[in-house]
Each structure stands twice: as C-alpha cells, then as structure tokens.
Amino acid sequence: MKTILKSLFCIFIAMLFLSANEAKAIEQVRYNMDDYTNPGSIIRHYDDGVDIVCYHNTAHPYFMMYRQGVPTTNELFLDPMDTVCDFEIYNDTVYFCGIMQERMVGHAVIGYFAVADLFNLNPSNVSYINLPEMTNVWAVEVGWFASRKHVVGVGESINSEGMMVDMIDEYAHWMVNFGDVGGDTVLLSDVAITQNYVVVTSKRNLSVMVSKGRLWYFEKPTATGNSIFQGTVSFLDNNLEIREKYRIRAIGGDVFITACHSDNIHGSLNPFVVSYYSGFTCNRNAVIDEGLYNFVTLGDISYTLGTNVVNLLLHGTYHTNSSSITRSVIYEIIYGALPSTVMAHVYDGVIFESLDRIWSINLDEQHLVSSGYMPEGLGTPYYLKYHSLYFDGSCLDKMDNYADTIKISSNRTDPKIKSVEIKQLPIVIEAPREPHQVDTKCISPTYPQKKEED
C-alpha cells in the first residue's frame, strides 16, 4: 500500500513539474501525430494556458483546444462548412466566418458556439447565420457598442463587389446589415475595432497588375441598435502596391498596426511593410526586405503590449547555401528603435500561418502562440508557443535582418455608401466530436541563466 501511495505521489509531483515547466517555457512545439490538415489554420488565445485553433482537413474545418500540460484534445467538426476564414473569441463564445459547403448564391456564413464545448466530448450545438447577400466573409471582429453586441465581417457580395456585414444581437434574433463598400474595384481584406472606429483594410485595383492600399474608417454608432453604416464613411488611399493579404490589428484607443507584402520600395526587392497608425495619422512605416530569391508570404501580425514589439510572421521557401528549405520566420520589430537590426525566431520544415499573444502584467509570462502545418505527407497540425524578446531557447533558431523606415503618402475621401437590413434567426446544427492525441516535439522549460564574465 505504501509503495502504491509513493508511486502515486511521484506521478503527482511529476505532473506538477511538467505543468510548471510548460508554464515557464521560453519555447514549446506541439503536434498531432495521427491527425492531418490542409493550409488555413487560425489560432486565438483563450485563457489560463488554453489556446483554440481551427484547422482544415479534406472534408471540412474543425476546431480544437491546446491545453497546457494536457496530452489530448477534443476536435469539433463543422460539417456544413467548406472553409473557415477567421474566428474571434468574445465572452466565452467562438464566432467564426467563411463559406458553406453548398456552392450556391449567398453561401457566406457567420457562426458561433460556446468555448465550453471544446472541454468535453458531449454533443455541441453550433449556430449558423446565412448571409444571402454575400459569397464569402474573409475576416470577423466582435465588439460592444451602441448598447449592443456587434459582429462585423468583411468579404465579397454576390456581384463580386466589396461588401461588409454588421450583425447586431437583438437577443431574440439578429439584425443583419449589409454595406456596399468600394464597388467592383475594391477587395476587402481585414478588420479591426478600435475605440471610436471599425477600421478595414482593402486593396483597390487600378489595373490588372497593380493594387494600391485603402483604409476605411467607419464611426461607431451611439444610438442603440444602429449599424456602422450611417451613410458617410471615410477612407485613406495610400501608395503601397499590395500583394496578397493586408493585415490589421488594434492596439488600444484608436491606435492600430497594419502589415502587407508590397512591391519594389526604394530599392527593396521583396519588401514587407508594417505601418503604425493613430486614427487617421500614419506615424511610422517599417520595411523589411526578404531578398529576391526567397518566395515568402505574409502570415500574420501581433503586438506585445508593454514592449512596443510588433511580431511579423512570414513563411515560404528560403534559399540558403544553394539549397531551398520550407521556413517560418517571426520578426520582432521594436517600434521606438527604428530603423535598426531586428531579430527573428526561425522554425524549419513547418508553415506557421497565424499568431496570437498571451498577455500578462508580468512580462516574463507574456508569450505568443502560432498554428500551422508540416506540408510533407498528410500535413501534420503544429502548435508553437514562444516568449517575445527571448532568443536563447532550444526549439527555435534565430536570424537577423534590417528594418528600415519609409514614408507613405495618403489621401482622405468621405464618400457615401448604401446598406440594407434584414432580420435573421440562426440555424442550429449538432457538431460531431472526436478525441485526439497531442505530442510535445520540443520544449525549453526554463529561462537561461546569464553566463558570468571570465
């Protein structure tokens, strides 16, 4: 009996030690060995060592949860969905957007389910709001203003024009507002909610080859139940030639950052640009050149509060010593130090696509998390956790580059937009569930001690 109790005590102590190490880890890499995923993962930090990720298999997207020190997870499958393009967590609820599997007019959707459903394998009810005016919703944000919860999305209309949706929670139903934004020359990209605005990034097509940047500023309404579409909106046109995504993240107040992959800027052959805005004022622009022979894509951006560090995630094929390698690179750009040399966390063999931050008053507890996949074989799902401003762990390599500053011109315009409103009730569908094993590939459990000078 004493031997059994002693063994149980040792197991308990080992579990405590593992949890403590994971809590203090500078870096950690986890993966799902018996699972598979296609590109398009999205990660959001929830709370207390819990991160939620959306992956995609060949049939449909699925959500799962990585919990600190827990070697299993419960997958929640969204059978009606073809693609989840984005999701946010608000008041213990996951709100997601994307495309339904039925390829028909108006197959865009915004849905939601309780975070608590990911903690067990019980049946989960998922609510779906069909958006008949739209073919897709690329990005979504959730906020409280005008005495209501608003779910705001950006995407494309059934006429292939830029369109936004502002869903207002009226408790018994949703008032769904559609706004025509930019006509057929504008492709909306991303959205953020600041103190006074809903800000949207977009690309305006001036020709087949050139797309310039545009920022939209929708003033938040103050009257209860009003949408963000109040007739007049402001936008800033800039002279950045933008490829692919145009990311935006709110920081606090009306301050936000944007990131894009641009074309040739002042001699940069493969430039990525991070811009710092306060309302309508662009304070500074940082540019990092990835070189002509690296085929790199913008993944995501994040901002570490209290440190003024922007985390810029890039991934693609890098050429080193006459060979090529799949690589993910996360630069840490310190706003106040520009221009300067910047350091990056590097992981080879995995495409990391999405970033989110773990905020804490204690800077030593602030981390960032990332999700992605190993492109070889069936595409193994991967999870990365690392500490900002620490580069001495054992899981990630490091590299440096130079972040220069550039000036970007902009012009403000205040056009009117049209909108329509419909009342919608959600369709509730039960989601299949499945347990899965999560393995730890690498962990740097403690912070390195400073070496004494000889």
Protein backbone atom coordinates (compact mmCIF):
# COMPACT_ATOMS: atom_id res chain seq x y z
CA MET A 1 0.00 0.00 0.00
CA LYS A 2 2.85 2.37 0.91
CA THR A 3 4.53 1.55 -2.42
CA ILE A 4 1.34 2.40 -4.33
CA LEU A 5 0.89 5.65 -2.44
CA LYS A 6 4.53 6.56 -3.03
CA SER A 7 4.17 5.86 -6.77
CA LEU A 8 1.02 7.97 -6.98
CA PHE A 9 2.79 10.76 -5.10
CA CYS A 10 5.72 10.66 -7.56
CA ILE A 11 3.35 10.77 -10.54
CA PHE A 12 1.55 13.75 -8.97
CA ILE A 13 4.83 15.59 -8.39
CA ALA A 14 5.95 14.82 -11.97
CA MET A 15 2.69 16.23 -13.34
CA LEU A 16 3.12 19.37 -11.27
CA PHE A 17 6.70 19.70 -12.51
CA LEU A 18 5.63 19.25 -16.14
CA SER A 19 2.89 21.86 -15.79
CA ALA A 20 5.27 24.28 -14.08
CA ASN A 21 7.88 23.78 -16.78
CA GLU A 22 5.33 24.31 -19.54
CA ALA A 23 4.12 27.47 -17.81
CA LYS A 24 7.65 28.84 -17.66
CA ALA A 25 8.83 27.56 -21.04
CA ILE A 26 10.55 30.02 -23.33
CA GLU A 27 9.59 27.87 -26.31
CA GLN A 28 7.39 24.89 -26.94
CA VAL A 29 6.44 22.96 -30.09
CA ARG A 30 3.50 20.51 -30.09
CA TYR A 31 1.91 18.50 -32.89
CA ASN A 32 -0.87 15.97 -33.61
CA MET A 33 0.92 12.89 -34.93
CA ASP A 34 -2.19 10.94 -36.06
CA ASP A 35 -4.05 13.96 -37.44
CA TYR A 36 -3.77 15.87 -40.71
CA THR A 37 -4.61 19.32 -42.03
CA ASN A 38 -4.60 21.44 -45.15
CA PRO A 39 -3.40 25.07 -45.18
CA GLY A 40 -5.53 27.71 -43.47
CA SER A 41 -5.06 27.30 -39.71
CA ILE A 42 -6.11 30.10 -37.30
CA ILE A 43 -5.16 30.40 -33.61
CA ARG A 44 -6.62 32.52 -30.80
CA HIS A 45 -5.51 32.54 -27.16
CA TYR A 46 -8.39 31.95 -24.76
CA ASP A 47 -7.33 31.96 -21.10
CA ASP A 48 -5.18 30.27 -18.45
CA GLY A 49 -2.97 28.09 -20.62
CA VAL A 50 -5.68 27.42 -23.22
CA ASP A 51 -5.39 28.17 -26.95
CA ILE A 52 -8.05 27.44 -29.57
CA VAL A 53 -7.16 26.54 -33.16
CA CYS A 54 -9.15 25.98 -36.34
CA TYR A 55 -7.64 23.54 -38.83
CA HIS A 56 -8.94 22.18 -42.17
CA ASN A 57 -8.96 18.60 -43.40
CA THR A 58 -10.03 17.49 -46.87
CA ALA A 59 -13.74 17.42 -45.94
CA HIS A 60 -14.38 20.34 -43.57
CA PRO A 61 -12.83 22.62 -40.95
CA TYR A 62 -12.53 21.57 -37.31
CA PHE A 63 -11.81 23.32 -34.02
CA MET A 64 -9.67 22.02 -31.20
CA MET A 65 -8.04 23.23 -28.00
CA TYR A 66 -4.42 23.04 -26.82
CA ARG A 67 -4.29 22.95 -23.02
CA GLN A 68 -1.09 23.40 -21.08
CA GLY A 69 0.15 20.04 -19.76
CA VAL A 70 -2.76 18.07 -21.30
CA PRO A 71 -1.74 15.45 -23.93
CA THR A 72 -5.20 15.12 -25.51
CA THR A 73 -7.69 17.36 -27.28
CA ASN A 74 -11.31 17.22 -28.44
CA GLU A 75 -11.99 18.07 -32.07
CA LEU A 76 -15.27 19.71 -33.10
CA PHE A 77 -16.14 19.28 -36.78
CA LEU A 78 -18.16 21.84 -38.73
CA ASP A 79 -19.74 19.54 -41.32
CA PRO A 80 -21.77 22.27 -43.12
CA MET A 81 -18.65 24.41 -43.68
CA ASP A 82 -16.27 24.36 -46.62
CA THR A 83 -13.81 26.94 -45.22
CA VAL A 84 -13.40 28.93 -42.02
CA CYS A 85 -11.55 32.13 -42.96
CA ASP A 86 -11.31 33.73 -39.50
CA PHE A 87 -12.60 33.48 -35.95
CA GLU A 88 -12.63 35.52 -32.74
CA ILE A 89 -13.45 34.72 -29.10
CA TYR A 90 -15.83 37.04 -27.25
CA ASN A 91 -17.33 36.39 -23.79
CA ASP A 92 -16.64 32.63 -23.87
CA THR A 93 -18.11 32.23 -27.36
CA VAL A 94 -16.27 31.42 -30.61
CA TYR A 95 -17.50 33.47 -33.60
CA PHE A 96 -16.30 32.23 -37.00
CA CYS A 97 -16.85 33.22 -40.64
CA GLY A 98 -16.37 31.66 -44.05
CA ILE A 99 -18.09 29.61 -46.75
CA MET A 100 -20.71 26.88 -46.55
CA GLN A 101 -20.18 23.62 -48.48
CA GLU A 102 -23.24 24.25 -50.64
CA ARG A 103 -21.90 26.23 -53.60
CA MET A 104 -24.85 28.49 -54.30
CA VAL A 105 -25.67 32.20 -54.35
CA GLY A 106 -25.13 33.65 -50.91
CA HIS A 107 -23.16 30.78 -49.34
CA ALA A 108 -21.29 33.05 -46.90
CA VAL A 109 -21.91 32.41 -43.22
CA ILE A 110 -21.09 33.62 -39.72
CA GLY A 111 -21.50 31.07 -36.93
CA TYR A 112 -20.84 30.63 -33.23
CA PHE A 113 -20.59 28.07 -30.43
CA ALA A 114 -19.62 28.01 -26.74
CA VAL A 115 -15.94 27.65 -25.81
CA ALA A 116 -17.06 25.22 -23.07
CA ASP A 117 -17.98 22.71 -25.81
CA LEU A 118 -14.28 22.16 -26.52
CA PHE A 119 -13.56 20.90 -22.99
CA ASN A 120 -15.54 17.66 -23.44
CA LEU A 121 -16.97 15.23 -25.99
CA ASN A 122 -20.62 15.94 -25.30
CA PRO A 123 -22.85 16.90 -28.25
CA SER A 124 -22.25 20.51 -29.31
CA ASN A 125 -24.82 22.79 -30.92
CA VAL A 126 -23.37 25.25 -33.45
CA SER A 127 -25.42 28.23 -34.68
CA TYR A 128 -25.15 29.47 -38.29
CA ILE A 129 -26.33 32.78 -39.78
CA ASN A 130 -26.65 32.58 -43.56
CA LEU A 131 -25.70 35.79 -45.40
CA PRO A 132 -27.65 35.76 -48.69
CA GLU A 133 -26.07 38.98 -49.97
CA MET A 134 -22.50 37.61 -49.79
CA THR A 135 -20.38 34.83 -51.28
CA ASN A 136 -17.68 34.91 -48.58
CA VAL A 137 -16.62 36.60 -45.34
CA TRP A 138 -12.83 36.90 -45.07
CA ALA A 139 -12.42 38.33 -41.56
CA VAL A 140 -14.57 38.93 -38.48
CA GLU A 141 -14.40 41.03 -35.30
CA VAL A 142 -16.74 41.21 -32.30
CA GLY A 143 -17.31 44.25 -30.05
CA TRP A 144 -19.82 46.02 -27.81
CA PHE A 145 -21.02 49.47 -28.83
CA ALA A 146 -24.31 51.33 -29.22
CA SER A 147 -25.60 49.20 -26.30
CA ARG A 148 -25.42 46.02 -28.39
CA LYS A 149 -23.03 43.25 -29.37
CA HIS A 150 -21.87 43.72 -32.97
CA VAL A 151 -20.30 41.01 -35.13
CA VAL A 152 -18.60 42.76 -38.06
CA GLY A 153 -17.29 40.94 -41.13
CA VAL A 154 -15.64 41.91 -44.43
CA GLY A 155 -15.96 39.98 -47.65
CA GLU A 156 -17.47 39.87 -51.12
CA SER A 157 -21.01 40.35 -52.42
CA ILE A 158 -22.83 38.07 -54.85
CA ASN A 159 -22.00 40.68 -57.53
CA SER A 160 -18.24 40.25 -56.85
CA GLU A 161 -18.01 43.64 -55.14
CA GLY A 162 -16.61 44.64 -51.77
CA MET A 163 -19.21 44.14 -49.02
CA MET A 164 -19.33 44.32 -45.21
CA VAL A 165 -21.80 42.87 -42.73
CA ASP A 166 -22.71 44.27 -39.30
CA MET A 167 -24.72 41.73 -37.28
CA ILE A 168 -26.43 43.23 -34.23
CA ASP A 169 -27.52 40.91 -31.43
CA GLU A 170 -31.13 41.71 -30.52
CA TYR A 171 -31.28 38.67 -28.20
CA ALA A 172 -34.33 37.01 -29.84
CA HIS A 173 -32.86 37.47 -33.34
CA TRP A 174 -30.04 39.13 -35.30
CA MET A 175 -30.43 42.34 -37.28
CA VAL A 176 -28.08 41.80 -40.21
CA ASN A 177 -26.87 44.93 -42.06
CA PHE A 178 -25.05 44.74 -45.40
CA GLY A 179 -22.96 47.66 -46.67
CA ASP A 180 -21.69 48.09 -50.25
CA VAL A 181 -18.05 49.08 -49.84
CA GLY A 182 -15.92 50.15 -52.77
CA GLY A 183 -17.74 48.67 -55.74
CA ASP A 184 -16.06 46.24 -58.11
CA THR A 185 -12.63 47.88 -57.87
CA VAL A 186 -12.04 47.12 -54.17
CA LEU A 187 -11.19 43.84 -52.45
CA LEU A 188 -11.69 43.99 -48.69
CA SER A 189 -9.07 42.20 -46.61
CA ASP A 190 -9.15 42.54 -42.80
CA VAL A 191 -10.98 44.36 -39.98
CA ALA A 192 -10.21 45.74 -36.50
CA ILE A 193 -12.34 47.50 -33.88
CA THR A 194 -10.73 50.48 -32.13
CA GLN A 195 -12.12 52.89 -29.53
CA ASN A 196 -14.10 55.01 -32.00
CA TYR A 197 -13.91 53.18 -35.33
CA VAL A 198 -14.29 49.96 -37.20
CA VAL A 199 -11.22 50.06 -39.48
CA VAL A 200 -10.98 47.93 -42.62
CA THR A 201 -8.00 47.24 -44.88
CA SER A 202 -8.57 46.79 -48.60
CA LYS A 203 -6.89 46.77 -52.00
CA ARG A 204 -8.16 48.92 -54.84
CA ASN A 205 -7.46 47.56 -58.31
CA LEU A 206 -6.08 50.32 -60.52
CA SER A 207 -5.05 47.81 -63.19
CA VAL A 208 -4.66 44.08 -63.64
CA MET A 209 -1.12 44.23 -62.26
CA VAL A 210 -1.30 46.95 -59.60
CA SER A 211 -3.37 47.06 -56.37
CA LYS A 212 -2.98 50.02 -54.03
CA GLY A 213 -3.89 50.12 -50.34
CA ARG A 214 -7.00 51.69 -48.81
CA LEU A 215 -8.09 52.04 -45.16
CA TRP A 216 -11.79 52.51 -44.33
CA TYR A 217 -12.92 54.22 -41.12
CA PHE A 218 -16.50 53.50 -40.01
CA GLU A 219 -17.51 55.56 -37.00
CA LYS A 220 -19.13 53.53 -34.25
CA PRO A 221 -22.81 54.48 -33.82
CA THR A 222 -24.02 55.72 -30.43
CA ALA A 223 -27.79 55.19 -30.79
CA THR A 224 -28.99 51.78 -29.60
CA GLY A 225 -29.43 49.28 -32.42
CA ASN A 226 -27.83 51.42 -35.13
CA SER A 227 -25.35 49.81 -37.51
CA ILE A 228 -21.95 51.15 -38.57
CA PHE A 229 -23.44 52.04 -41.98
CA GLN A 230 -24.64 55.59 -41.36
CA GLY A 231 -24.43 56.88 -44.93
CA THR A 232 -21.00 58.53 -44.92
CA VAL A 233 -17.66 56.81 -44.39
CA SER A 234 -14.04 57.99 -44.63
CA PHE A 235 -11.12 56.26 -46.28
CA LEU A 236 -7.40 56.83 -46.75
CA ASP A 237 -5.74 55.84 -50.03
CA ASN A 238 -2.01 55.11 -49.83
CA ASN A 239 0.64 54.44 -52.44
CA LEU A 240 1.60 50.94 -51.29
CA GLU A 241 1.37 48.30 -54.03
CA ILE A 242 -0.08 45.41 -52.06
CA ARG A 243 0.16 41.69 -52.76
CA GLU A 244 -1.97 39.02 -51.06
CA LYS A 245 -3.17 39.89 -47.53
CA TYR A 246 -3.39 43.31 -45.88
CA ARG A 247 -3.43 42.62 -42.13
CA ILE A 248 -4.63 44.93 -39.34
CA ARG A 249 -4.57 44.66 -35.53
CA ALA A 250 -5.89 47.12 -32.93
CA ILE A 251 -3.56 48.03 -30.05
CA GLY A 252 -5.54 50.37 -27.80
CA GLY A 253 -7.54 53.57 -28.15
CA ASP A 254 -7.57 54.37 -31.87
CA VAL A 255 -4.02 53.07 -32.38
CA PHE A 256 -3.52 50.13 -34.75
CA ILE A 257 -0.91 48.47 -36.94
CA THR A 258 -1.10 47.13 -40.49
CA ALA A 259 1.16 44.79 -42.45
CA CYS A 260 1.41 43.87 -46.11
CA HIS A 261 3.66 42.31 -48.71
CA SER A 262 4.43 45.10 -51.16
CA ASP A 263 6.24 45.59 -54.44
CA ASN A 264 9.53 47.38 -55.01
CA ILE A 265 10.01 50.19 -52.45
CA HIS A 266 13.11 52.40 -52.53
CA GLY A 267 15.33 49.59 -53.77
CA SER A 268 13.81 46.80 -51.64
CA LEU A 269 13.28 43.80 -53.93
CA ASN A 270 10.94 41.77 -51.69
CA PRO A 271 9.58 44.21 -49.08
CA PHE A 272 7.20 43.61 -46.17
CA VAL A 273 5.79 46.79 -44.64
CA VAL A 274 4.49 47.36 -41.09
CA SER A 275 2.67 50.68 -40.51
CA TYR A 276 1.77 52.33 -37.20
CA TYR A 277 -1.41 54.44 -37.13
CA SER A 278 -3.10 56.66 -34.59
CA GLY A 279 -6.54 57.33 -36.02
CA PHE A 280 -6.07 58.86 -39.46
CA THR A 281 -2.38 59.65 -38.82
CA CYS A 282 0.34 57.28 -40.00
CA ASN A 283 3.19 57.68 -37.52
CA ARG A 284 5.84 55.42 -38.98
CA ASN A 285 6.40 52.67 -41.56
CA ALA A 286 8.95 49.88 -41.21
CA VAL A 287 10.11 47.85 -44.21
CA ILE A 288 11.98 44.53 -44.18
CA ASP A 289 13.46 43.18 -47.42
CA GLU A 290 13.41 39.37 -47.72
CA GLY A 291 15.53 39.28 -50.84
CA LEU A 292 14.78 38.50 -54.46
CA TYR A 293 15.26 34.71 -54.33
CA ASN A 294 13.09 33.91 -51.28
CA PHE A 295 9.44 33.08 -52.13
CA VAL A 296 7.80 34.37 -48.97
CA THR A 297 4.20 35.13 -47.93
CA LEU A 298 2.80 37.29 -45.13
CA GLY A 299 1.23 35.10 -42.47
CA ASP A 300 0.09 37.32 -39.61
CA ILE A 301 0.99 40.12 -37.19
CA SER A 302 0.61 40.62 -33.46
CA TYR A 303 1.55 43.28 -30.93
CA THR A 304 3.03 42.68 -27.48
CA LEU A 305 1.63 45.23 -25.02
CA GLY A 306 4.10 46.96 -22.74
CA THR A 307 7.05 46.26 -25.03
CA ASN A 308 6.13 48.12 -28.27
CA VAL A 309 7.10 44.98 -30.20
CA VAL A 310 5.33 44.02 -33.42
CA ASN A 311 5.60 40.33 -34.27
CA LEU A 312 5.62 39.81 -38.05
CA LEU A 313 5.08 36.22 -39.22
CA LEU A 314 6.35 35.23 -42.68
CA HIS A 315 6.58 31.80 -44.29
CA GLY A 316 7.64 30.22 -47.54
CA THR A 317 10.67 28.88 -49.38
CA TYR A 318 14.05 30.32 -48.36
CA HIS A 319 17.26 29.76 -50.28
CA THR A 320 20.39 29.10 -48.21
CA ASN A 321 23.76 27.83 -49.44
CA SER A 322 22.46 26.87 -52.90
CA SER A 323 19.56 24.87 -51.43
CA SER A 324 15.94 25.65 -50.58
CA ILE A 325 14.01 24.99 -47.37
CA THR A 326 10.47 25.46 -46.05
CA ARG A 327 10.78 28.03 -43.28
CA SER A 328 8.67 30.14 -40.90
CA VAL A 329 10.16 33.41 -39.62
CA ILE A 330 8.75 35.66 -36.87
CA TYR A 331 10.43 39.07 -36.71
CA GLU A 332 10.27 41.22 -33.59
CA ILE A 333 10.18 44.87 -34.63
CA ILE A 334 10.64 47.38 -31.80
CA TYR A 335 8.71 50.49 -32.79
CA GLY A 336 10.83 53.01 -30.87
CA ALA A 337 14.16 51.67 -32.20
CA LEU A 338 13.52 52.05 -35.95
CA PRO A 339 15.49 51.93 -38.16
CA SER A 340 17.52 49.08 -36.69
CA THR A 341 18.61 45.47 -36.95
CA VAL A 342 15.74 43.17 -35.98
CA MET A 343 15.88 39.61 -34.68
CA ALA A 344 13.62 36.75 -35.77
CA HIS A 345 12.56 33.36 -34.43
CA VAL A 346 13.01 30.66 -37.10
CA TYR A 347 11.47 27.20 -37.48
CA ASP A 348 12.24 25.00 -40.50
CA GLY A 349 10.03 22.35 -42.07
CA VAL A 350 6.71 23.81 -40.84
CA ILE A 351 4.48 26.54 -42.28
CA PHE A 352 3.18 28.62 -39.36
CA GLU A 353 0.25 30.73 -40.53
CA SER A 354 -1.44 32.51 -37.60
CA LEU A 355 -0.34 34.40 -34.47
CA ASP A 356 -1.89 35.49 -31.19
CA ARG A 357 -0.47 36.90 -27.98
CA ILE A 358 -0.73 35.77 -24.37
CA TRP A 359 -0.82 38.99 -22.38
CA SER A 360 0.24 39.28 -18.74
CA ILE A 361 1.15 42.10 -16.36
CA ASN A 362 4.31 40.10 -15.66
CA LEU A 363 6.46 40.46 -18.79
CA ASP A 364 8.13 37.09 -18.10
CA GLU A 365 4.75 35.41 -18.55
CA GLN A 366 3.95 37.09 -21.88
CA HIS A 367 4.12 34.65 -24.78
CA LEU A 368 2.91 34.33 -28.34
CA VAL A 369 1.30 31.29 -29.91
CA SER A 370 1.20 30.21 -33.54
CA SER A 371 -0.53 27.48 -35.54
CA GLY A 372 0.46 25.78 -38.77
CA TYR A 373 1.21 22.52 -40.51
CA MET A 374 4.02 20.36 -41.84
CA PRO A 375 3.43 20.39 -45.63
CA GLU A 376 5.02 16.97 -46.18
CA GLY A 377 2.82 13.86 -46.12
CA LEU A 378 -0.75 14.45 -44.89
CA GLY A 379 0.04 17.84 -43.35
CA THR A 380 0.56 17.35 -39.61
CA PRO A 381 -1.05 20.11 -37.45
CA TYR A 382 1.54 22.10 -35.45
CA TYR A 383 1.41 24.46 -32.46
CA LEU A 384 4.16 26.87 -31.35
CA LYS A 385 4.50 28.87 -28.14
CA TYR A 386 7.40 31.26 -27.58
CA HIS A 387 8.44 34.15 -25.37
CA SER A 388 8.82 37.53 -27.03
CA LEU A 389 12.33 39.03 -26.87
CA TYR A 390 13.97 35.71 -25.83
CA PHE A 391 16.23 34.05 -28.41
CA ASP A 392 18.22 31.52 -26.37
CA GLY A 393 15.87 28.55 -26.31
CA SER A 394 16.49 25.13 -27.87
CA CYS A 395 13.39 24.80 -30.11
CA LEU A 396 13.78 27.79 -32.43
CA ASP A 397 16.72 29.09 -34.41
CA LYS A 398 17.34 32.82 -34.80
CA MET A 399 18.33 35.17 -37.59
CA ASP A 400 18.54 38.90 -38.14
CA ASN A 401 17.63 41.41 -40.82
CA TYR A 402 17.44 45.18 -41.13
CA ALA A 403 14.22 47.15 -40.67
CA ASP A 404 14.36 50.49 -42.46
CA THR A 405 11.79 53.29 -42.38
CA ILE A 406 9.91 54.75 -45.35
CA LYS A 407 7.30 57.43 -45.97
CA ILE A 408 3.87 56.61 -47.38
CA SER A 409 1.61 59.27 -48.87
CA SER A 410 -2.15 59.13 -48.27
CA ASN A 411 -5.29 61.00 -49.32
CA ARG A 412 -8.59 61.16 -47.42
CA THR A 413 -12.03 60.89 -49.05
CA ASP A 414 -15.51 60.85 -47.47
CA PRO A 415 -17.99 59.04 -49.76
CA LYS A 416 -21.49 57.77 -49.07
CA ILE A 417 -22.34 54.08 -49.02
CA LYS A 418 -25.59 52.15 -49.38
CA SER A 419 -26.83 49.49 -46.96
CA VAL A 420 -29.74 47.10 -46.45
CA GLU A 421 -31.02 45.38 -43.30
CA ILE A 422 -32.72 42.00 -42.77
CA LYS A 423 -33.75 40.03 -39.70
CA GLN A 424 -32.17 36.60 -39.29
CA LEU A 425 -32.64 33.62 -36.97
CA PRO A 426 -29.76 31.17 -36.58
CA ILE A 427 -29.87 27.58 -37.86
CA VAL A 428 -28.61 25.21 -35.14
CA ILE A 429 -26.74 22.03 -36.20
CA GLU A 430 -25.12 19.46 -33.92
CA ALA A 431 -21.37 19.10 -34.49
CA PRO A 432 -19.60 15.70 -34.48
CA ARG A 433 -16.82 15.25 -31.90
CA GLU A 434 -13.61 13.21 -31.76
CA PRO A 435 -10.70 12.89 -29.27
CA HIS A 436 -7.08 13.17 -30.40
CA GLN A 437 -3.55 12.80 -29.04
CA VAL A 438 -1.20 15.80 -28.80
CA ASP A 439 2.56 15.21 -28.62
CA THR A 440 5.31 17.58 -27.49
CA LYS A 441 8.12 17.80 -30.02
CA CYS A 442 10.33 20.30 -28.20
CA ILE A 443 10.33 22.35 -25.01
CA SER A 444 12.72 24.89 -23.49
CA PRO A 445 11.41 24.60 -19.92
CA THR A 446 13.32 27.31 -18.04
CA TYR A 447 14.82 30.68 -18.79
CA PRO A 448 18.59 30.51 -19.41
CA GLN A 449 20.90 31.81 -16.74
CA LYS A 450 23.24 34.64 -17.71
CA LYS A 451 26.82 33.46 -18.04
CA GLU A 452 29.32 35.08 -15.72
CA GLU A 453 32.09 37.01 -17.40
CA ASP A 454 35.55 35.44 -17.14
